[in-house]
Structure formats: structure tokens, C-alpha cells
Protein backbone atom coordinates (compact mmCIF):
# COMPACT_ATOMS: atom_id res chain seq x y z
CA MET A 1 83.51 66.62 -44.26
CA LYS A 2 82.14 66.28 -40.65
CA GLN A 3 79.13 64.12 -40.23
CA PRO A 4 76.55 65.48 -37.86
CA ALA A 5 76.41 63.18 -34.80
CA TRP A 6 72.80 62.21 -34.99
CA LEU A 7 73.19 60.64 -38.29
CA ALA A 8 75.20 57.65 -36.98
CA ASP A 9 72.07 55.88 -35.82
CA ALA A 10 69.33 57.71 -38.00
CA ILE A 11 66.49 55.72 -39.16
CA PHE A 12 64.26 57.62 -41.33
CA TYR A 13 60.56 57.58 -42.02
CA GLU A 14 59.36 59.38 -45.21
CA ILE A 15 56.05 61.28 -44.87
CA TYR A 16 54.02 62.32 -47.80
CA PRO A 17 52.06 64.98 -45.97
CA GLN A 18 49.14 65.14 -48.21
CA SER A 19 48.29 61.42 -47.34
CA PHE A 20 49.49 60.83 -43.75
CA LEU A 21 46.72 62.13 -41.36
CA ASP A 22 43.96 64.66 -41.92
CA THR A 23 42.92 66.34 -38.54
CA ASN A 24 40.68 69.12 -39.86
CA GLY A 25 38.34 67.02 -42.07
CA ASP A 26 39.21 68.64 -45.36
CA GLY A 27 40.55 65.38 -46.99
CA ILE A 28 44.20 66.39 -47.11
CA GLY A 29 46.76 65.58 -44.56
CA ASP A 30 48.38 68.31 -42.36
CA PHE A 31 51.19 69.16 -39.92
CA GLN A 32 48.90 68.35 -36.89
CA GLY A 33 48.54 64.99 -38.15
CA ILE A 34 52.24 64.26 -38.34
CA ILE A 35 52.45 65.68 -34.59
CA ASP A 36 49.80 63.34 -33.61
CA LYS A 37 51.59 60.33 -34.86
CA LEU A 38 55.31 61.21 -33.78
CA ASP A 39 54.77 58.58 -31.06
CA TYR A 40 53.77 56.02 -33.55
CA ILE A 41 56.84 56.81 -35.67
CA ALA A 42 58.98 56.62 -32.64
CA GLY A 43 57.44 53.48 -31.52
CA LEU A 44 58.32 51.78 -34.83
CA GLY A 45 61.87 52.60 -34.19
CA CYS A 46 62.47 55.55 -36.44
CA ASN A 47 64.24 58.58 -34.99
CA ALA A 48 64.11 60.93 -38.23
CA ILE A 49 61.63 62.00 -40.42
CA TRP A 50 61.57 63.21 -44.10
CA ILE A 51 58.72 65.41 -45.10
CA ASN A 52 58.05 65.85 -48.84
CA PRO A 53 57.57 69.38 -50.03
CA CYS A 54 55.31 71.38 -47.67
CA PHE A 55 55.69 75.00 -49.22
CA GLU A 56 53.20 77.18 -50.84
CA SER A 57 52.49 75.81 -54.17
CA PRO A 58 49.72 75.41 -57.13
CA PHE A 59 50.40 71.65 -56.64
CA GLY A 60 50.77 70.71 -60.30
CA ASP A 61 53.56 68.38 -59.07
CA ALA A 62 52.36 67.64 -55.54
CA GLY A 63 54.41 70.41 -54.16
CA TYR A 64 57.46 70.11 -56.12
CA ASP A 65 56.32 73.31 -57.90
CA VAL A 66 57.28 75.62 -55.18
CA ALA A 67 55.72 79.22 -55.21
CA ASP A 68 57.14 80.49 -51.98
CA TYR A 69 60.10 78.66 -50.46
CA CYS A 70 59.56 80.37 -46.97
CA THR A 71 55.84 79.88 -46.46
CA ALA A 72 54.36 76.75 -45.44
CA ALA A 73 51.44 75.58 -47.61
CA SER A 74 48.28 76.77 -45.89
CA ARG A 75 46.60 73.36 -46.48
CA TYR A 76 48.95 71.86 -44.07
CA GLY A 77 49.22 74.64 -41.61
CA THR A 78 51.38 77.66 -40.86
CA ASN A 79 55.05 78.30 -40.35
CA ALA A 80 54.24 78.34 -36.60
CA ASP A 81 52.70 74.75 -37.01
CA LEU A 82 55.80 73.58 -38.89
CA LYS A 83 58.04 75.03 -36.16
CA ARG A 84 55.97 73.25 -33.60
CA LEU A 85 56.26 69.95 -35.39
CA PHE A 86 60.11 70.56 -35.25
CA ASP A 87 59.89 71.25 -31.56
CA GLU A 88 57.76 68.28 -30.85
CA ALA A 89 60.07 65.85 -32.85
CA HIS A 90 63.13 67.43 -30.86
CA ALA A 91 61.33 66.72 -27.55
CA ARG A 92 61.21 63.01 -28.50
CA GLY A 93 64.87 62.91 -29.72
CA MET A 94 63.90 62.95 -33.34
CA HIS A 95 65.08 65.00 -36.21
CA VAL A 96 63.22 66.49 -39.38
CA MET A 97 64.40 66.73 -42.83
CA LEU A 98 62.44 69.05 -45.11
CA ASP A 99 62.43 68.48 -49.00
CA LEU A 100 64.32 71.39 -50.72
CA VAL A 101 63.70 71.83 -54.46
CA PRO A 102 66.34 73.87 -55.65
CA GLY A 103 66.23 73.24 -59.47
CA HIS A 104 62.93 75.02 -60.37
CA THR A 105 60.01 76.69 -59.13
CA ALA A 106 56.27 77.02 -60.17
CA VAL A 107 55.38 79.60 -62.75
CA THR A 108 53.44 81.44 -60.03
CA HIS A 109 56.65 82.03 -57.98
CA PRO A 110 57.19 85.81 -57.66
CA TRP A 111 60.79 85.22 -59.02
CA PHE A 112 59.47 83.93 -62.21
CA LYS A 113 56.85 86.63 -62.53
CA GLU A 114 59.52 89.17 -62.32
CA SER A 115 62.01 87.27 -64.70
CA MET A 116 59.18 87.42 -67.44
CA LYS A 117 59.35 91.16 -67.72
CA PRO A 118 60.97 92.52 -70.81
CA GLY A 119 63.26 95.11 -68.89
CA ARG A 120 66.25 94.00 -66.93
CA ASN A 121 65.64 93.48 -63.12
CA GLU A 122 67.05 91.74 -60.22
CA PHE A 123 65.42 88.40 -61.54
CA THR A 124 66.06 88.65 -65.18
CA ASP A 125 68.88 85.95 -64.94
CA ARG A 126 67.10 83.91 -62.15
CA TYR A 127 66.05 81.35 -64.62
CA ILE A 128 67.43 80.01 -68.05
CA TRP A 129 66.34 82.08 -70.81
CA THR A 130 67.49 81.88 -74.35
CA ASN A 131 67.82 85.21 -76.25
CA SER A 132 64.95 84.51 -78.85
CA ILE A 133 61.44 83.11 -78.74
CA TRP A 134 62.64 81.00 -81.78
CA GLU A 135 65.46 79.32 -80.03
CA GLU A 136 64.85 76.39 -77.82
CA PRO A 137 67.31 75.26 -75.12
CA GLN A 138 69.08 72.34 -76.32
CA GLY A 139 68.20 69.08 -74.53
CA MET A 140 65.57 70.62 -72.28
CA GLY A 141 62.01 71.45 -72.63
CA CYS A 142 60.75 74.88 -72.51
CA ILE A 143 58.15 77.52 -71.92
CA ARG A 144 57.49 80.18 -74.28
CA GLY A 145 55.15 82.79 -75.60
CA ILE A 146 53.75 83.49 -72.22
CA SER A 147 55.11 87.00 -71.62
CA ASP A 148 56.59 89.98 -73.42
CA ARG A 149 60.09 88.67 -72.74
CA ASP A 150 61.77 87.67 -75.96
CA GLY A 151 63.21 84.14 -75.35
CA CYS A 152 62.09 80.56 -74.20
CA CYS A 153 62.55 79.55 -70.68
CA ALA A 154 64.05 76.06 -69.98
CA VAL A 155 62.11 73.81 -67.75
CA ASN A 156 63.45 70.93 -65.63
CA PHE A 157 60.56 68.41 -65.49
CA PHE A 158 56.95 69.39 -66.21
CA SER A 159 56.14 72.29 -68.51
CA HIS A 160 55.17 74.37 -65.57
CA GLN A 161 58.54 74.14 -63.72
CA PRO A 162 60.89 76.80 -65.08
CA ALA A 163 64.63 75.86 -64.33
CA LEU A 164 66.54 78.06 -62.06
CA ASN A 165 69.86 79.41 -63.29
CA TYR A 166 73.00 77.91 -61.88
CA GLY A 167 74.94 78.35 -65.00
CA PHE A 168 76.25 76.20 -67.64
CA TYR A 169 79.51 74.16 -67.08
CA LYS A 170 80.78 75.04 -70.56
CA PRO A 171 78.67 77.71 -72.12
CA ASP A 172 78.45 77.48 -76.08
CA ARG A 173 75.72 79.88 -76.76
CA PRO A 174 75.41 83.74 -76.18
CA TRP A 175 72.42 83.06 -73.69
CA GLN A 176 74.10 80.60 -71.66
CA GLN A 177 75.71 82.00 -68.66
CA GLY A 178 78.93 80.49 -66.72
CA MET A 179 78.58 79.37 -63.07
CA ASP A 180 80.47 82.40 -61.87
CA ASP A 181 78.44 84.82 -63.64
CA PRO A 182 76.34 87.30 -61.52
CA GLY A 183 73.00 85.56 -62.39
CA PRO A 184 73.88 81.90 -61.26
CA ARG A 185 75.78 83.09 -58.20
CA ALA A 186 72.66 85.18 -57.12
CA THR A 187 70.35 82.03 -57.47
CA LEU A 188 72.85 80.01 -55.23
CA GLU A 189 72.77 82.85 -52.65
CA ALA A 190 69.04 82.91 -52.81
CA MET A 191 68.88 79.18 -52.14
CA LYS A 192 71.29 79.32 -49.14
CA ASP A 193 69.02 82.13 -47.74
CA VAL A 194 66.09 79.51 -47.97
CA MET A 195 68.20 77.09 -46.13
CA ARG A 196 69.14 79.52 -43.53
CA PHE A 197 65.62 80.40 -42.95
CA TRP A 198 64.42 76.74 -42.16
CA LEU A 199 67.42 75.87 -40.28
CA GLY A 200 67.06 78.84 -38.04
CA MET A 201 63.52 77.62 -37.54
CA GLY A 202 64.59 74.38 -36.21
CA CYS A 203 64.59 72.02 -39.34
CA ASP A 204 67.60 69.52 -39.10
CA GLY A 205 68.61 69.54 -42.78
CA PHE A 206 67.25 68.85 -46.29
CA ARG A 207 66.62 66.04 -48.63
CA VAL A 208 67.37 67.80 -52.06
CA ASP A 209 65.35 67.04 -54.97
CA MET A 210 67.09 66.38 -58.38
CA ALA A 211 70.36 67.42 -56.77
CA GLY A 212 72.53 66.46 -59.78
CA SER A 213 70.71 68.49 -62.35
CA LEU A 214 71.33 72.07 -61.20
CA VAL A 215 74.53 73.08 -63.54
CA LYS A 216 73.51 72.48 -67.22
CA HIS A 217 75.68 70.75 -69.92
CA ASP A 218 77.62 69.53 -66.83
CA GLU A 219 80.56 67.19 -67.95
CA ASP A 220 80.45 64.15 -65.47
CA GLY A 221 78.70 66.35 -63.01
CA LYS A 222 81.81 68.31 -62.27
CA GLY A 223 80.23 71.78 -61.98
CA THR A 224 77.43 70.68 -60.04
CA ILE A 225 79.75 68.83 -57.70
CA ARG A 226 81.60 72.29 -57.32
CA LEU A 227 78.43 74.05 -56.54
CA TRP A 228 77.36 71.61 -53.68
CA GLN A 229 80.94 71.94 -52.28
CA LYS A 230 80.26 75.74 -51.79
CA VAL A 231 77.08 74.85 -50.04
CA ARG A 232 78.84 72.26 -47.88
CA ALA A 233 81.39 75.13 -46.93
CA PHE A 234 78.71 77.38 -45.94
CA LEU A 235 76.84 74.82 -43.79
CA ASP A 236 80.06 73.62 -42.15
CA ASP A 237 80.53 77.19 -41.14
CA GLU A 238 76.85 78.14 -40.12
CA TYR A 239 74.94 74.90 -39.43
CA PRO A 240 77.44 72.05 -38.86
CA GLU A 241 74.86 69.68 -37.42
CA ALA A 242 72.36 70.16 -40.72
CA ALA A 243 72.31 67.01 -42.69
CA MET A 244 72.02 66.81 -46.35
CA ILE A 245 70.65 64.06 -48.32
CA SER A 246 70.76 64.02 -52.31
CA GLU A 247 68.33 62.52 -54.87
CA TRP A 248 71.30 61.93 -57.21
CA GLY A 249 71.52 58.25 -57.59
CA GLU A 250 75.36 58.56 -58.11
CA PRO A 251 76.99 58.36 -54.64
CA ASP A 252 80.46 58.93 -56.11
CA LYS A 253 79.48 62.23 -57.21
CA SER A 254 77.20 63.42 -54.44
CA LEU A 255 79.30 62.49 -51.49
CA LEU A 256 82.30 64.34 -53.35
CA GLY A 257 79.81 67.29 -53.64
CA GLY A 258 79.61 67.08 -49.79
CA PHE A 259 76.38 65.46 -49.18
CA HIS A 260 76.25 63.20 -46.31
CA MET A 261 73.91 60.64 -48.15
CA ASP A 262 72.67 59.65 -51.43
CA PHE A 263 69.62 57.66 -52.40
CA LEU A 264 69.72 54.76 -54.68
CA LEU A 265 66.95 55.60 -57.13
CA HIS A 266 64.74 53.46 -59.39
CA PHE A 267 66.47 55.08 -62.37
CA GLY A 268 69.96 55.87 -63.33
CA PRO A 269 72.93 53.37 -63.03
CA SER A 270 72.53 51.64 -59.42
CA HIS A 271 70.49 48.63 -60.59
CA TYR A 272 68.21 49.11 -57.40
CA ASN A 273 65.35 48.08 -59.60
CA ASP A 274 66.97 44.78 -59.72
CA LEU A 275 66.11 44.36 -56.15
CA PHE A 276 62.32 44.88 -55.96
CA ARG A 277 60.88 46.58 -59.03
CA CYS A 278 61.69 44.64 -62.24
CA GLU A 279 60.15 41.65 -64.16
CA GLU A 280 61.97 39.22 -61.88
CA PRO A 281 63.11 40.93 -58.69
CA PHE A 282 65.64 39.30 -56.62
CA PHE A 283 63.49 39.56 -53.42
CA SER A 284 60.66 37.71 -55.31
CA ASP A 285 60.17 33.99 -53.91
CA ARG A 286 60.20 32.94 -57.59
CA GLY A 287 64.16 33.03 -57.05
CA LYS A 288 64.79 34.17 -60.86
CA GLY A 289 66.34 37.51 -59.95
CA ASP A 290 69.89 38.86 -60.26
CA VAL A 291 71.68 40.80 -57.54
CA SER A 292 75.05 40.54 -59.04
CA GLU A 293 74.96 43.91 -61.12
CA PHE A 294 73.54 45.80 -58.10
CA VAL A 295 76.40 44.54 -55.88
CA LYS A 296 79.00 45.56 -58.44
CA LYS A 297 77.76 49.02 -58.86
CA TYR A 298 77.21 49.46 -55.16
CA LEU A 299 80.67 48.58 -54.31
CA ASP A 300 81.92 50.80 -57.12
CA SER A 301 80.25 53.72 -55.55
CA TYR A 302 81.25 52.47 -52.08
CA GLU A 303 84.95 52.67 -52.94
CA LYS A 304 84.59 55.97 -54.89
CA GLY A 305 82.84 57.51 -51.96
CA GLY A 306 85.86 56.68 -49.76
CA ARG A 307 83.69 54.21 -47.71
CA LYS A 308 82.74 57.37 -45.46
CA GLY A 309 79.54 58.66 -46.95
CA MET A 310 76.18 56.81 -46.62
CA ILE A 311 74.63 55.17 -49.52
CA CYS A 312 70.84 54.83 -48.57
CA ILE A 313 68.58 52.09 -50.04
CA PRO A 314 64.99 53.06 -49.36
CA SER A 315 62.09 50.73 -49.02
CA GLY A 316 60.40 52.90 -51.55
CA ASN A 317 59.27 56.49 -51.87
CA HIS A 318 56.39 58.59 -53.45
CA ASP A 319 57.95 58.10 -57.12
CA MET A 320 58.08 54.36 -56.96
CA ASP A 321 55.60 51.31 -57.04
CA ARG A 322 54.90 50.18 -53.53
CA LEU A 323 57.18 47.52 -52.33
CA ALA A 324 54.21 45.20 -51.85
CA ARG A 325 53.17 45.49 -55.34
CA SER A 326 56.01 43.02 -56.40
CA ILE A 327 57.09 41.47 -53.15
CA HIS A 328 54.65 39.61 -50.74
CA GLY A 329 54.20 37.62 -47.74
CA VAL A 330 57.44 36.76 -45.65
CA ASN A 331 59.49 38.08 -48.62
CA LEU A 332 58.68 41.47 -47.36
CA LYS A 333 60.12 40.72 -44.02
CA ILE A 334 63.24 39.26 -45.89
CA ALA A 335 63.48 42.62 -47.82
CA PHE A 336 63.41 44.62 -44.62
CA ALA A 337 65.99 42.14 -43.07
CA PHE A 338 68.20 43.30 -45.92
CA LEU A 339 67.31 47.14 -45.84
CA LEU A 340 67.97 47.19 -42.11
CA SER A 341 71.40 45.52 -42.27
CA MET A 342 72.99 47.48 -44.95
CA PRO A 343 75.21 50.45 -44.53
CA GLY A 344 73.93 53.94 -44.71
CA ALA A 345 70.71 55.31 -43.11
CA PRO A 346 67.66 53.31 -43.84
CA PHE A 347 64.66 55.00 -45.21
CA ILE A 348 61.09 53.54 -44.66
CA TYR A 349 58.22 54.94 -46.94
CA TYR A 350 55.21 55.72 -44.83
CA GLY A 351 52.85 52.46 -44.88
CA ASP A 352 55.59 50.01 -46.10
CA GLU A 353 56.06 48.86 -42.66
CA ILE A 354 52.43 47.46 -42.75
CA GLY A 355 52.69 46.35 -46.30
CA MET A 356 50.38 49.00 -47.85
CA ARG A 357 49.54 48.10 -51.46
CA TYR A 358 49.95 49.95 -54.67
CA VAL A 359 46.25 51.10 -55.43
CA GLU A 360 45.55 50.11 -59.07
CA GLY A 361 43.71 52.11 -61.58
CA LEU A 362 43.75 55.46 -60.02
CA ASP A 363 43.33 58.77 -61.95
CA SER A 364 46.34 60.88 -61.66
CA VAL A 365 46.31 63.56 -58.71
CA GLU A 366 48.67 66.67 -58.73
CA GLY A 367 51.07 65.17 -61.36
CA GLY A 368 51.29 61.72 -59.88
CA TYR A 369 50.19 59.66 -62.99
CA ASN A 370 51.35 56.21 -62.54
CA ARG A 371 52.81 57.21 -59.13
CA THR A 372 49.39 57.96 -57.73
CA GLY A 373 48.78 54.34 -56.59
CA SER A 374 51.79 54.58 -54.19
CA ARG A 375 50.55 58.01 -52.73
CA SER A 376 47.18 56.77 -51.25
CA PRO A 377 46.25 57.78 -47.74
CA MET A 378 47.82 55.98 -44.69
CA GLN A 379 45.82 53.09 -43.43
CA TRP A 380 45.43 53.54 -39.61
CA ASP A 381 42.33 51.50 -38.54
CA SER A 382 39.10 50.14 -39.63
CA THR A 383 36.98 53.23 -39.06
CA THR A 384 35.76 55.59 -41.81
CA ASN A 385 38.28 56.25 -44.52
CA ALA A 386 40.70 53.88 -42.57
CA GLY A 387 41.09 56.51 -39.95
CA PHE A 388 42.80 58.93 -42.30
CA SER A 389 40.26 61.63 -42.49
CA ALA A 390 36.79 62.72 -41.48
CA ALA A 391 35.98 64.08 -44.80
CA ALA A 392 33.49 62.53 -47.18
CA LYS A 393 34.84 60.00 -49.22
CA GLU A 394 34.80 62.12 -52.45
CA LYS A 395 36.76 64.95 -50.75
CA LEU A 396 39.80 62.74 -50.00
CA TYR A 397 43.07 63.89 -51.56
CA ILE A 398 43.68 60.39 -53.04
CA ALA A 399 41.12 57.51 -52.77
CA ILE A 400 41.66 54.99 -50.15
CA ASP A 401 42.69 51.51 -51.10
CA PRO A 402 39.19 50.05 -51.56
CA ASP A 403 40.05 46.47 -50.44
CA GLU A 404 38.16 45.65 -47.22
CA GLY A 405 41.11 43.41 -46.38
CA ARG A 406 43.75 46.29 -46.74
CA PRO A 407 46.35 46.30 -43.97
CA THR A 408 45.97 48.78 -41.21
CA VAL A 409 48.15 49.87 -38.37
CA GLU A 410 45.58 48.68 -35.94
CA HIS A 411 45.52 45.06 -37.24
CA ALA A 412 49.32 45.06 -37.55
CA MET A 413 50.00 46.18 -34.09
CA ALA A 414 47.54 43.43 -32.71
CA ASP A 415 49.31 40.55 -34.65
CA GLU A 416 52.75 39.84 -33.28
CA ASP A 417 53.65 38.07 -36.51
CA SER A 418 52.96 41.00 -38.78
CA LEU A 419 55.38 42.96 -40.94
CA TYR A 420 54.95 45.87 -38.54
CA HIS A 421 56.49 43.96 -35.63
CA GLU A 422 59.06 42.37 -37.82
CA VAL A 423 60.20 45.76 -38.76
CA ARG A 424 60.33 46.89 -35.19
CA ARG A 425 62.36 43.81 -34.25
CA LEU A 426 64.84 44.27 -37.08
CA ILE A 427 65.49 47.76 -36.06
CA ALA A 428 65.99 46.96 -32.52
CA VAL A 429 68.62 44.20 -33.56
CA ARG A 430 70.34 46.82 -35.75
CA ARG A 431 70.52 49.17 -32.74
CA ALA A 432 72.01 46.41 -30.62
CA HIS A 433 74.91 45.53 -32.94
CA LYS A 434 77.32 48.31 -33.99
CA ALA A 435 78.34 46.24 -36.98
CA LEU A 436 74.84 46.55 -38.42
CA THR A 437 74.55 50.30 -38.07
CA SER A 438 75.10 52.82 -40.75
CA GLY A 439 78.86 53.30 -40.42
CA GLY A 440 79.79 49.80 -40.33
CA SER A 441 81.98 48.14 -43.03
CA ILE A 442 80.62 45.89 -45.72
CA GLU A 443 82.21 43.00 -47.45
CA PHE A 444 80.13 40.88 -49.98
CA VAL A 445 81.01 37.21 -49.68
CA TYR A 446 78.62 35.82 -52.19
CA ALA A 447 76.66 37.65 -54.81
CA GLU A 448 77.00 35.67 -57.99
CA LYS A 449 75.19 36.26 -61.22
CA ASP A 450 71.69 34.52 -61.54
CA ALA A 451 72.29 32.71 -58.05
CA TYR A 452 71.02 32.94 -54.61
CA PRO A 453 71.69 33.61 -51.66
CA LEU A 454 73.11 37.28 -51.10
CA ALA A 455 75.58 37.17 -48.37
CA TYR A 456 77.70 39.82 -46.87
CA VAL A 457 79.72 40.74 -43.65
CA ARG A 458 79.20 43.78 -41.55
CA GLY A 459 81.80 44.93 -39.38
CA ALA A 460 82.55 47.52 -36.69
CA ASP A 461 85.31 47.49 -34.00
CA ASP A 462 85.63 43.95 -32.93
CA GLU A 463 82.24 42.81 -34.01
CA ARG A 464 81.43 40.95 -37.28
CA VAL A 465 78.13 39.81 -38.50
CA LEU A 466 77.41 37.59 -41.39
CA VAL A 467 73.99 38.42 -43.11
CA ILE A 468 72.49 35.87 -45.47
CA VAL A 469 69.37 36.51 -47.45
CA ASN A 470 67.57 33.86 -49.62
CA PRO A 471 64.15 35.17 -50.70
CA ALA A 472 63.80 32.08 -53.25
CA ASN A 473 61.40 29.39 -52.82
CA ARG A 474 64.21 26.73 -52.45
CA ALA A 475 67.07 26.03 -50.10
CA VAL A 476 70.35 27.09 -51.47
CA SER A 477 74.05 26.44 -50.61
CA PHE A 478 77.10 28.56 -51.21
CA PRO A 479 80.77 28.18 -50.54
CA CYS A 480 81.87 30.02 -47.49
CA LYS A 481 85.02 29.56 -45.22
CA LEU A 482 83.55 31.59 -42.46
CA VAL A 483 82.59 29.65 -39.27
CA PRO A 484 79.51 31.34 -37.65
CA LYS A 485 79.56 31.29 -33.73
CA GLY A 486 75.73 31.37 -33.50
CA LYS A 487 72.55 33.09 -34.65
CA ILE A 488 71.86 36.69 -33.67
CA TYR A 489 68.45 36.95 -35.61
CA GLY A 490 66.45 35.34 -38.35
CA VAL A 491 63.29 35.57 -40.61
CA GLY A 492 61.94 32.24 -41.84
CA GLY A 493 64.05 29.38 -41.61
CA GLU A 494 67.91 28.55 -40.53
CA ALA A 495 71.20 28.45 -41.99
CA ALA A 496 73.87 25.72 -41.24
CA ALA A 497 77.63 25.66 -41.98
CA GLU A 498 79.51 22.53 -42.91
CA ASN A 499 82.66 21.68 -44.62
CA GLY A 500 83.15 25.13 -46.15
CA THR A 501 79.57 25.38 -47.21
CA ILE A 502 76.52 27.24 -45.86
CA ARG A 503 73.08 25.95 -46.57
CA VAL A 504 70.14 28.36 -45.96
CA ASP A 505 66.56 27.48 -46.04
CA ALA A 506 63.85 28.80 -48.52
CA ARG A 507 62.55 32.36 -47.82
CA THR A 508 64.99 32.96 -45.04
CA ALA A 509 67.08 35.90 -43.85
CA VAL A 510 69.61 35.29 -40.88
CA TYR A 511 72.14 37.40 -38.95
CA LEU A 512 75.03 35.14 -37.88
CA ALA A 513 77.78 36.06 -35.28
CA LEU A 514 81.42 35.68 -36.48
């Protein structure tokens, strides 16, 4: 699998378009808002963007219920506006990834409307239907009784998201089709056409929603891996510079399937939550966390992936609590010192670079439920609606953080000691040292159970860098035979090596040359 050259130093910025910047005063962010802030994103140090779903949708699930894969949602702008966004990003040396939702559509999608008809047509097998209204699909929710077609339609997530049919790995019911049956094959070809459309428009690749869920009753993901290998072959042939990122959370499977990158998720086997989002996160200054299981699983996936693909550890995303809900003060800087020194492409969720907070107590918006507090509007300055929109307060897509002391870009840029400037410096250090970039190797030298610090060596060519992170509110020591030559960069305090031991100050992260 050839990796697109631009991924080697890619640092991504995730944009939830509804909440980024509203330029027409309707209370909802738009494409022009993203274009207007490309220089801000580039100034932070990010050279790639992931935009959450921006296609036509009834927005029952914030756009993850697609009604038309090839038409931009009018509330954000037109297809021409989106193409202009691609062009403006490319003019700045940046790349843009769209969010592809291949597993399900909205019930309003024309494919589903045709699929509901009782007579056979081109779309009868586009979705997963049982043969009888009385038989539910095992292990999946369903929609039934909404049309004259006899049968229940499986859903992937919410009850208004009918599952597209990519077949069953081992069919065991008359209504279950195999992966190579005509219906599943047609579904895959239709999704390839969607990808062709946007790649032809200038999109640089896709982040794929629920990438591991396509083939049903799939033993160890074998069928879904095979399906994505077919997509990989198609892309290598037609669009070799297109990047693919999977929302899978199991890099050993997704990388084998041909994805260049896989996200570690807040669910699944990765132990990502142990870092930032559990009762005692490792990066809390209370120093009661445990990083050992995360490291163990990370190494297992790293080895199974052949040490070639990218395992991405995001600061957060639209489905998680904000990083600043559980990590505070200098520990946010230490968390970014970790995130920006690990292999794989870093992903920064909009606003995390200024310490935006989870907004408590919000009513659910567009299927957000408890996630809504992480989707509030970007806080640009101290003007009306924090500079997000000129709309009346009650028309905003999601309410602004009401705290008058909320962090803003304006304040962060004016304070050289802010998290924003720390993130900028850390990105610059990463770019200046090949050992710290995405493709460099990693060797953990200290990651013990219920212990601090975390220490690992990054390497590339002749350069080796020892990274030590100690979020705890106490100084700690660990046995280490490595002898550092000097400090490259640090956050917080210092580290010192003596007699086979390295001592590191409380609330400190350091990069040491070896």
C-alpha cells in the first residue's frame, strides 16, 4: 500500500461545520466561514482539515444521516462553494478530507424510498431487509411498518438510519445476501461513484464513519477487511494520492484493509479513555491513572499493522467529552506534548487548542444528546456570540458557552503563555525533528501499571528523541540506562539523569536528545 506523500507531515484540524463560523447570520456555520479561517488553521500549524458530514440531510444525526451523497447541504453552501474551499486550501498547501458515511443513509434518501416499494427495482437490495414484517434482523435494530414492502429493514445506529447492504460474511437466513451477491456488489459500486465524484471535485480523501461495520455477522472483521481491500485497489488505480482514515478503533484490522490511518476511539479495545476520559485519567494531575493497558494494546496494534500504518490519537472529536472537561491547566499542555510526539497523524478538534470547555446542561441538538456539550460554537473573540455568528442568540445552532471567562482565540493569541501558543510551538518542534514525525519509530521505555511517568523513544534515520511525560502533581523517577545529550523542548519543569535513573518534575513533559 502506497501512502500519499502529503500524509508524511500532515497535522489535521477537525471542523464541525455547524459550529465553526457563521458568515450569513443564520446561526449555523458554513463553508465560507471555513474559508475565512484557513489562515488561522494554517497559522496554528495544521496543514490538513477533516470536515464532518456536509451533505444534504434531514439532520436527525448532525449530517450522519445522508439524503444525497453528491450534494452539499444548502445550509453550508453549494457544491461550488465546497469546491472553492478545496481550491483555497490547496492554494495554502493544505488538504481537505470529507466525512464519508457508507454504512447507512437517511430514510429520506431516494435509494431508500425506492427500496421501500413492494415490486423489485434497482434499489430493492440496496438495504438490508428481512423477508417478513414479523422477522427482525438478529443483533440489529430495525424499521418496519412504514411501507407496503413486506419485511423489516435493519438500522445501523438511530432508528432513522437504514443500513446499506454490503452482504453477510456467513449468511444463515434466506434474506441474508452474501458479499458477492448482486445487491451488495451494487452498493459498493455506488459508494465508489460517490468517492469518484468528490475526489474529482478536489477532495483529498475521506474519513470513513463506522468503517468496521459494513459487512454483517462478520467473523473477526474478515469480510469488511476484504471489502476495503477492494476499495484500496480502486483508489490506488484511480486516485493514488487520496488518503483514507477509518473510524474503526482496531488498527490491526483497518490497516490490513488498506486504510492509511485508524482512529483510536473512546469505545472499543484501545484503552484510549484511560488517557483523558475516565474516573482517573492518566493525564490528570491527581496522578492516579494507569497508562499500561493503553500502551500494551497500542503496541499490539502497532506490530500487527506492520509498523507501517498510522495509528491516530485525537485530542477529541464531536462524539467525545471535550479534553478540558477532565484535564486542566498545564496538564492540557502536557497532553498536547504527548499527542504531538506520537507516531501517526495528529488530530486537533476545533477549539481544543484554546481549551474550549464542555458546555454542561445543553438540550440535545440534532441527535447529539450528551455529545451536544462538545459541539458548541467556536469562540473567536469577545464580541456578540463570541464572534461565531451575527444571529440572535436564540437562533444559534447550539448555545455558546455562557461563562464570561470562556477561552477565546483572541485572548489566547494575545497571551504567549496560552495553550494556543504551546500547541503552535509543539507543532513546530515536531516538524523540526524527523524522529517526532508520523513515520518515526517508537519504543516505550517506561509504561508501568499504576505508575508515572510515561517514557518512550522516537526515532528516524540517525535521530533519537526520548519523550517523558509526567502529568502527576509530584516528582517521579524511573530506571533508564539511556543518557540524554540535552533538552530539545519542555513543558513545565525539568528532567535529570543520574546513575541509571531519570527524575522528572511534577506536571512536566520533556523531549530529550539521545
